Amino acid sequence: MSHDLALLLAKSFGLFYLIVFSVLIVLHTYRPSRKAQLDQAARAILNAEDRPCP
């Protein structure tokens, strides 16, 4: 295997890997079964606390 072929394969498969990985992360984040967890996380920073965190 020549260096140019190895470089081409690494760049191509690396690109496809990152695209697939990004799509999987987006699908995992926005699936409907996670709505309750995401809503709770969105409200968590808005909770009124009367003292600083320990």
Protein backbone atom coordinates (compact mmCIF):
# COMPACT_ATOMS: atom_id res chain seq x y z
CA MET A 1 0.00 0.00 0.00
CA SER A 2 1.47 3.30 -1.02
CA HIS A 3 1.47 6.34 1.19
CA ASP A 4 -0.92 8.20 -1.13
CA LEU A 5 -3.47 5.38 -1.04
CA ALA A 6 -3.22 5.10 2.74
CA LEU A 7 -3.70 8.87 3.06
CA LEU A 8 -6.74 8.82 0.76
CA LEU A 9 -8.35 5.96 2.69
CA ALA A 10 -7.66 7.60 6.05
CA LYS A 11 -9.15 10.91 4.95
CA SER A 12 -12.20 9.31 3.33
CA PHE A 13 -13.05 6.93 6.15
CA GLY A 14 -12.31 9.58 8.74
CA LEU A 15 -14.76 11.92 7.04
CA PHE A 16 -17.49 9.26 6.85
CA TYR A 17 -16.82 8.26 10.46
CA LEU A 18 -17.25 11.83 11.70
CA ILE A 19 -20.41 12.38 9.65
CA VAL A 20 -22.01 9.16 10.91
CA PHE A 21 -20.92 9.90 14.48
CA SER A 22 -22.42 13.41 14.31
CA VAL A 23 -25.72 12.10 12.93
CA LEU A 24 -25.91 9.48 15.69
CA ILE A 25 -25.31 12.11 18.37
CA VAL A 26 -28.05 14.35 16.96
CA LEU A 27 -30.49 11.43 16.73
CA HIS A 28 -29.67 10.34 20.28
CA THR A 29 -30.15 13.85 21.63
CA TYR A 30 -33.43 14.65 19.91
CA ARG A 31 -35.26 11.34 20.22
CA PRO A 32 -38.67 11.70 21.89
CA SER A 33 -37.91 9.42 24.86
CA ARG A 34 -35.32 11.94 26.13
CA LYS A 35 -37.75 14.87 26.22
CA ALA A 36 -38.37 14.62 29.96
CA GLN A 37 -34.64 14.56 30.73
CA LEU A 38 -33.94 17.50 28.42
CA ASP A 39 -36.83 19.52 29.86
CA GLN A 40 -35.58 18.87 33.39
CA ALA A 41 -32.05 19.92 32.39
CA ALA A 42 -33.41 23.11 30.85
CA ARG A 43 -35.29 23.98 34.06
CA ALA A 44 -32.43 22.99 36.38
CA ILE A 45 -30.43 26.14 35.73
CA LEU A 46 -33.48 28.30 36.40
CA ASN A 47 -34.26 26.93 39.85
CA ALA A 48 -34.27 29.68 42.44
CA GLU A 49 -31.82 28.85 45.19
CA ASP A 50 -31.34 31.06 48.20
CA ARG A 51 -27.73 30.11 48.87
CA PRO A 52 -24.58 29.33 46.88
CA CYS A 53 -23.67 25.80 45.89
CA PRO A 54 -21.53 23.94 48.45
